[in-house]
Amino acid sequence: MQATGTEARLCEMIALRQQAGVKKYGTTLAGNPLSHRQWLVHALEESLDLSAYLMRSIEEIDRAADDGK
């Protein structure tokens, strides 16, 4: 079955990220020689970035809601 809608857009974003990664690092994730621990550290760092993005977005929504009161 072919992905459609949100899932299709997500798949496209993943493909574009892979292309950017290959261009930047010269390999896909499968070809990257990092250790298991190094992968986990990268994932942790990415999740911290995500947390910051989420927090900023929540704060922006809250400020907009406060301005509307």
PDB file of N, CA and C in Angstrom:
ATOM      1  N   MET A   1       0.841  -1.185   0.000  1.00  0.00           N
ATOM      2  CA  MET A   1       0.000   0.000   0.000  1.00  0.00           C
ATOM      3  C   MET A   1       0.884   1.246   0.000  1.00  0.00           C
ATOM      4  N   GLN A   2       0.542   2.204  -0.784  1.00  0.00           N
ATOM      5  CA  GLN A   2       1.273   3.464  -0.891  1.00  0.00           C
ATOM      6  C   GLN A   2       0.789   4.438   0.184  1.00  0.00           C
ATOM      7  N   ALA A   3       1.729   5.061   0.874  1.00  0.00           N
ATOM      8  CA  ALA A   3       1.366   6.058   1.885  1.00  0.00           C
ATOM      9  C   ALA A   3       0.693   7.246   1.211  1.00  0.00           C
ATOM     10  N   THR A   4      -0.261   7.844   1.922  1.00  0.00           N
ATOM     11  CA  THR A   4      -0.942   9.039   1.429  1.00  0.00           C
ATOM     12  C   THR A   4      -1.028  10.062   2.553  1.00  0.00           C
ATOM     13  N   GLY A   5      -1.401  11.285   2.208  1.00  0.00           N
ATOM     14  CA  GLY A   5      -1.637  12.314   3.208  1.00  0.00           C
ATOM     15  C   GLY A   5      -0.428  12.611   4.088  1.00  0.00           C
ATOM     16  N   THR A   6      -0.684  12.703   5.376  1.00  0.00           N
ATOM     17  CA  THR A   6       0.355  13.041   6.353  1.00  0.00           C
ATOM     18  C   THR A   6       1.521  12.061   6.278  1.00  0.00           C
ATOM     19  N   GLU A   7       1.198  10.771   6.203  1.00  0.00           N
ATOM     20  CA  GLU A   7       2.250   9.759   6.171  1.00  0.00           C
ATOM     21  C   GLU A   7       3.123   9.901   4.927  1.00  0.00           C
ATOM     22  N   ALA A   8       2.510  10.208   3.788  1.00  0.00           N
ATOM     23  CA  ALA A   8       3.282  10.393   2.557  1.00  0.00           C
ATOM     24  C   ALA A   8       4.211  11.600   2.673  1.00  0.00           C
ATOM     25  N   ARG A   9       3.694  12.671   3.256  1.00  0.00           N
ATOM     26  CA  ARG A   9       4.541  13.863   3.444  1.00  0.00           C
ATOM     27  C   ARG A   9       5.696  13.562   4.392  1.00  0.00           C
ATOM     28  N   LEU A  10       5.441  12.798   5.426  1.00  0.00           N
ATOM     29  CA  LEU A  10       6.499  12.413   6.357  1.00  0.00           C
ATOM     30  C   LEU A  10       7.556  11.561   5.657  1.00  0.00           C
ATOM     31  N   CYS A  11       7.111  10.604   4.843  1.00  0.00           N
ATOM     32  CA  CYS A  11       8.053   9.762   4.088  1.00  0.00           C
ATOM     33  C   CYS A  11       8.929  10.606   3.171  1.00  0.00           C
ATOM     34  N   GLU A  12       8.327  11.600   2.529  1.00  0.00           N
ATOM     35  CA  GLU A  12       9.081  12.495   1.659  1.00  0.00           C
ATOM     36  C   GLU A  12      10.112  13.290   2.459  1.00  0.00           C
ATOM     37  N   MET A  13       9.725  13.760   3.629  1.00  0.00           N
ATOM     38  CA  MET A  13      10.669  14.502   4.472  1.00  0.00           C
ATOM     39  C   MET A  13      11.835  13.610   4.892  1.00  0.00           C
ATOM     40  N   ILE A  14      11.551  12.363   5.220  1.00  0.00           N
ATOM     41  CA  ILE A  14      12.613  11.423   5.601  1.00  0.00           C
ATOM     42  C   ILE A  14      13.565  11.217   4.434  1.00  0.00           C
ATOM     43  N   ALA A  15      13.023  11.043   3.234  1.00  0.00           N
ATOM     44  CA  ALA A  15      13.867  10.852   2.050  1.00  0.00           C
ATOM     45  C   ALA A  15      14.745  12.073   1.800  1.00  0.00           C
ATOM     46  N   LEU A  16      14.174  13.265   1.967  1.00  0.00           N
ATOM     47  CA  LEU A  16      14.959  14.485   1.775  1.00  0.00           C
ATOM     48  C   LEU A  16      16.052  14.620   2.829  1.00  0.00           C
ATOM     49  N   ARG A  17      15.738  14.250   4.079  1.00  0.00           N
ATOM     50  CA  ARG A  17      16.749  14.288   5.146  1.00  0.00           C
ATOM     51  C   ARG A  17      17.878  13.309   4.849  1.00  0.00           C
ATOM     52  N   GLN A  18      17.529  12.131   4.312  1.00  0.00           N
ATOM     53  CA  GLN A  18      18.557  11.157   3.960  1.00  0.00           C
ATOM     54  C   GLN A  18      19.469  11.725   2.872  1.00  0.00           C
ATOM     55  N   GLN A  19      18.888  12.349   1.864  1.00  0.00           N
ATOM     56  CA  GLN A  19      19.687  12.951   0.801  1.00  0.00           C
ATOM     57  C   GLN A  19      20.620  14.022   1.356  1.00  0.00           C
ATOM     58  N   ALA A  20      20.111  14.852   2.257  1.00  0.00           N
ATOM     59  CA  ALA A  20      20.942  15.899   2.862  1.00  0.00           C
ATOM     60  C   ALA A  20      22.066  15.281   3.688  1.00  0.00           C
ATOM     61  N   GLY A  21      21.761  14.204   4.412  1.00  0.00           N
ATOM     62  CA  GLY A  21      22.778  13.529   5.215  1.00  0.00           C
ATOM     63  C   GLY A  21      23.868  12.906   4.372  1.00  0.00           C
ATOM     64  N   VAL A  22      23.473  12.278   3.282  1.00  0.00           N
ATOM     65  CA  VAL A  22      24.467  11.680   2.378  1.00  0.00           C
ATOM     66  C   VAL A  22      25.341  12.770   1.779  1.00  0.00           C
ATOM     67  N   LYS A  23      24.722  13.891   1.406  1.00  0.00           N
ATOM     68  CA  LYS A  23      25.496  15.004   0.851  1.00  0.00           C
ATOM     69  C   LYS A  23      26.487  15.549   1.885  1.00  0.00           C
ATOM     70  N   LYS A  24      26.038  15.683   3.138  1.00  0.00           N
ATOM     71  CA  LYS A  24      26.881  16.262   4.185  1.00  0.00           C
ATOM     72  C   LYS A  24      27.935  15.288   4.690  1.00  0.00           C
ATOM     73  N   TYR A  25      27.539  14.011   4.920  1.00  0.00           N
ATOM     74  CA  TYR A  25      28.431  13.051   5.568  1.00  0.00           C
ATOM     75  C   TYR A  25      28.977  11.976   4.631  1.00  0.00           C
ATOM     76  N   GLY A  26      28.438  11.899   3.420  1.00  0.00           N
ATOM     77  CA  GLY A  26      28.938  10.937   2.453  1.00  0.00           C
ATOM     78  C   GLY A  26      28.457   9.509   2.680  1.00  0.00           C
ATOM     79  N   THR A  27      27.470   9.306   3.531  1.00  0.00           N
ATOM     80  CA  THR A  27      26.961   7.969   3.802  1.00  0.00           C
ATOM     81  C   THR A  27      25.556   8.049   4.379  1.00  0.00           C
ATOM     82  N   THR A  28      24.850   6.923   4.325  1.00  0.00           N
ATOM     83  CA  THR A  28      23.552   6.826   4.981  1.00  0.00           C
ATOM     84  C   THR A  28      23.766   6.421   6.435  1.00  0.00           C
ATOM     85  N   LEU A  29      22.708   6.392   7.214  1.00  0.00           N
ATOM     86  CA  LEU A  29      22.826   5.935   8.599  1.00  0.00           C
ATOM     87  C   LEU A  29      23.383   4.516   8.660  1.00  0.00           C
ATOM     88  N   ALA A  30      22.931   3.672   7.752  1.00  0.00           N
ATOM     89  CA  ALA A  30      23.383   2.276   7.760  1.00  0.00           C
ATOM     90  C   ALA A  30      24.890   2.167   7.553  1.00  0.00           C
ATOM     91  N   GLY A  31      25.465   3.108   6.822  1.00  0.00           N
ATOM     92  CA  GLY A  31      26.897   3.056   6.549  1.00  0.00           C
ATOM     93  C   GLY A  31      27.746   3.832   7.545  1.00  0.00           C
ATOM     94  N   ASN A  32      27.118   4.432   8.538  1.00  0.00           N
ATOM     95  CA  ASN A  32      27.847   5.250   9.504  1.00  0.00           C
ATOM     96  C   ASN A  32      28.450   4.356  10.584  1.00  0.00           C
ATOM     97  N   PRO A  33      29.748   4.491  10.843  1.00  0.00           N
ATOM     98  CA  PRO A  33      30.437   3.571  11.751  1.00  0.00           C
ATOM     99  C   PRO A  33      30.386   3.936  13.237  1.00  0.00           C
ATOM    100  N   LEU A  34      29.450   4.798  13.654  1.00  0.00           N
ATOM    101  CA  LEU A  34      29.392   5.171  15.066  1.00  0.00           C
ATOM    102  C   LEU A  34      29.082   3.961  15.943  1.00  0.00           C
ATOM    103  N   SER A  35      29.532   4.049  17.182  1.00  0.00           N
ATOM    104  CA  SER A  35      29.227   2.985  18.146  1.00  0.00           C
ATOM    105  C   SER A  35      27.778   3.119  18.604  1.00  0.00           C
ATOM    106  N   HIS A  36      27.275   2.081  19.230  1.00  0.00           N
ATOM    107  CA  HIS A  36      25.916   2.100  19.760  1.00  0.00           C
ATOM    108  C   HIS A  36      25.749   3.273  20.725  1.00  0.00           C
ATOM    109  N   ARG A  37      26.731   3.467  21.603  1.00  0.00           N
ATOM    110  CA  ARG A  37      26.661   4.571  22.569  1.00  0.00           C
ATOM    111  C   ARG A  37      26.633   5.922  21.860  1.00  0.00           C
ATOM    112  N   GLN A  38      27.446   6.079  20.842  1.00  0.00           N
ATOM    113  CA  GLN A  38      27.462   7.342  20.107  1.00  0.00           C
ATOM    114  C   GLN A  38      26.103   7.621  19.461  1.00  0.00           C
ATOM    115  N   TRP A  39      25.450   6.565  18.946  1.00  0.00           N
ATOM    116  CA  TRP A  39      24.106   6.741  18.385  1.00  0.00           C
ATOM    117  C   TRP A  39      23.135   7.212  19.456  1.00  0.00           C
ATOM    118  N   LEU A  40      23.249   6.628  20.639  1.00  0.00           N
ATOM    119  CA  LEU A  40      22.360   7.016  21.730  1.00  0.00           C
ATOM    120  C   LEU A  40      22.592   8.458  22.166  1.00  0.00           C
ATOM    121  N   VAL A  41      23.839   8.882  22.193  1.00  0.00           N
ATOM    122  CA  VAL A  41      24.148  10.276  22.542  1.00  0.00           C
ATOM    123  C   VAL A  41      23.555  11.220  21.493  1.00  0.00           C
ATOM    124  N   HIS A  42      23.700  10.857  20.211  1.00  0.00           N
ATOM    125  CA  HIS A  42      23.096  11.677  19.155  1.00  0.00           C
ATOM    126  C   HIS A  42      21.584  11.767  19.338  1.00  0.00           C
ATOM    127  N   ALA A  43      20.945  10.648  19.624  1.00  0.00           N
ATOM    128  CA  ALA A  43      19.495  10.634  19.820  1.00  0.00           C
ATOM    129  C   ALA A  43      19.099  11.501  21.016  1.00  0.00           C
ATOM    130  N   LEU A  44      19.853  11.411  22.095  1.00  0.00           N
ATOM    131  CA  LEU A  44      19.581  12.237  23.271  1.00  0.00           C
ATOM    132  C   LEU A  44      19.691  13.715  22.926  1.00  0.00           C
ATOM    133  N   GLU A  45      20.749  14.090  22.219  1.00  0.00           N
ATOM    134  CA  GLU A  45      20.942  15.488  21.839  1.00  0.00           C
ATOM    135  C   GLU A  45      19.793  15.976  20.953  1.00  0.00           C
ATOM    136  N   GLU A  46      19.356  15.141  20.023  1.00  0.00           N
ATOM    137  CA  GLU A  46      18.234  15.506  19.156  1.00  0.00           C
ATOM    138  C   GLU A  46      16.950  15.665  19.967  1.00  0.00           C
ATOM    139  N   SER A  47      16.753  14.793  20.964  1.00  0.00           N
ATOM    140  CA  SER A  47      15.537  14.893  21.776  1.00  0.00           C
ATOM    141  C   SER A  47      15.561  16.153  22.639  1.00  0.00           C
ATOM    142  N   LEU A  48      16.734  16.572  23.072  1.00  0.00           N
ATOM    143  CA  LEU A  48      16.841  17.827  23.818  1.00  0.00           C
ATOM    144  C   LEU A  48      16.478  19.008  22.921  1.00  0.00           C
ATOM    145  N   ASP A  49      16.955  18.985  21.678  1.00  0.00           N
ATOM    146  CA  ASP A  49      16.578  20.031  20.726  1.00  0.00           C
ATOM    147  C   ASP A  49      15.069  20.038  20.529  1.00  0.00           C
ATOM    148  N   LEU A  50      14.484  18.860  20.350  1.00  0.00           N
ATOM    149  CA  LEU A  50      13.039  18.760  20.175  1.00  0.00           C
ATOM    150  C   LEU A  50      12.299  19.348  21.367  1.00  0.00           C
ATOM    151  N   SER A  51      12.782  19.050  22.567  1.00  0.00           N
ATOM    152  CA  SER A  51      12.146  19.597  23.770  1.00  0.00           C
ATOM    153  C   SER A  51      12.179  21.118  23.762  1.00  0.00           C
ATOM    154  N   ALA A  52      13.285  21.699  23.336  1.00  0.00           N
ATOM    155  CA  ALA A  52      13.392  23.158  23.276  1.00  0.00           C
ATOM    156  C   ALA A  52      12.419  23.723  22.244  1.00  0.00           C
ATOM    157  N   TYR A  53      12.296  23.074  21.094  1.00  0.00           N
ATOM    158  CA  TYR A  53      11.369  23.534  20.058  1.00  0.00           C
ATOM    159  C   TYR A  53       9.931  23.456  20.561  1.00  0.00           C
ATOM    160  N   LEU A  54       9.597  22.360  21.238  1.00  0.00           N
ATOM    161  CA  LEU A  54       8.248  22.203  21.773  1.00  0.00           C
ATOM    162  C   LEU A  54       7.940  23.262  22.820  1.00  0.00           C
ATOM    163  N   MET A  55       8.890  23.502  23.708  1.00  0.00           N
ATOM    164  CA  MET A  55       8.692  24.489  24.767  1.00  0.00           C
ATOM    165  C   MET A  55       8.475  25.879  24.183  1.00  0.00           C
ATOM    166  N   ARG A  56       9.288  26.252  23.219  1.00  0.00           N
ATOM    167  CA  ARG A  56       9.151  27.562  22.586  1.00  0.00           C
ATOM    168  C   ARG A  56       7.781  27.690  21.924  1.00  0.00           C
ATOM    169  N   SER A  57       7.341  26.655  21.247  1.00  0.00           N
ATOM    170  CA  SER A  57       6.037  26.686  20.585  1.00  0.00           C
ATOM    171  C   SER A  57       4.901  26.821  21.594  1.00  0.00           C
ATOM    172  N   ILE A  58       4.985  26.091  22.698  1.00  0.00           N
ATOM    173  CA  ILE A  58       3.973  26.181  23.753  1.00  0.00           C
ATOM    174  C   ILE A  58       3.952  27.592  24.332  1.00  0.00           C
ATOM    175  N   GLU A  59       5.120  28.157  24.591  1.00  0.00           N
ATOM    176  CA  GLU A  59       5.192  29.517  25.127  1.00  0.00           C
ATOM    177  C   GLU A  59       4.581  30.531  24.158  1.00  0.00           C
ATOM    178  N   GLU A  60       4.830  30.338  22.868  1.00  0.00           N
ATOM    179  CA  GLU A  60       4.276  31.236  21.859  1.00  0.00           C
ATOM    180  C   GLU A  60       2.744  31.155  21.839  1.00  0.00           C
ATOM    181  N   ILE A  61       2.211  29.944  21.917  1.00  0.00           N
ATOM    182  CA  ILE A  61       0.758  29.755  21.964  1.00  0.00           C
ATOM    183  C   ILE A  61       0.185  30.411  23.215  1.00  0.00           C
ATOM    184  N   ASP A  62       0.867  30.210  24.354  1.00  0.00           N
ATOM    185  CA  ASP A  62       0.393  30.804  25.610  1.00  0.00           C
ATOM    186  C   ASP A  62       0.412  32.325  25.552  1.00  0.00           C
ATOM    187  N   ARG A  63       1.476  32.916  24.983  1.00  0.00           N
ATOM    188  CA  ARG A  63       1.542  34.379  24.866  1.00  0.00           C
ATOM    189  C   ARG A  63       0.411  34.894  23.982  1.00  0.00           C
ATOM    190  N   ALA A  64       0.154  34.196  22.880  1.00  0.00           N
ATOM    191  CA  ALA A  64      -0.932  34.607  21.978  1.00  0.00           C
ATOM    192  C   ALA A  64      -2.280  34.523  22.691  1.00  0.00           C
ATOM    193  N   ALA A  65      -2.467  33.483  23.489  1.00  0.00           N
ATOM    194  CA  ALA A  65      -3.720  33.324  24.232  1.00  0.00           C
ATOM    195  C   ALA A  65      -3.867  34.433  25.281  1.00  0.00           C
ATOM    196  N   ASP A  66      -2.752  34.776  25.939  1.00  0.00           N
ATOM    197  CA  ASP A  66      -2.790  35.846  26.938  1.00  0.00           C
ATOM    198  C   ASP A  66      -3.089  37.192  26.287  1.00  0.00           C
ATOM    199  N   ASP A  67      -2.557  37.416  25.080  1.00  0.00           N
ATOM    200  CA  ASP A  67      -2.806  38.672  24.367  1.00  0.00           C
ATOM    201  C   ASP A  67      -4.266  38.803  23.970  1.00  0.00           C
ATOM    202  N   GLY A  68      -4.949  37.674  23.792  1.00  0.00           N
ATOM    203  CA  GLY A  68      -6.331  37.704  23.373  1.00  0.00           C
ATOM    204  C   GLY A  68      -7.322  37.877  24.507  1.00  0.00           C
ATOM    205  N   LYS A  69      -6.846  37.925  25.737  1.00  0.00           N
ATOM    206  CA  LYS A  69      -7.741  38.045  26.887  1.00  0.00           C
ATOM    207  C   LYS A  69      -8.108  39.467  27.173  1.00  0.00           C
TER     208      LYS A  69
END
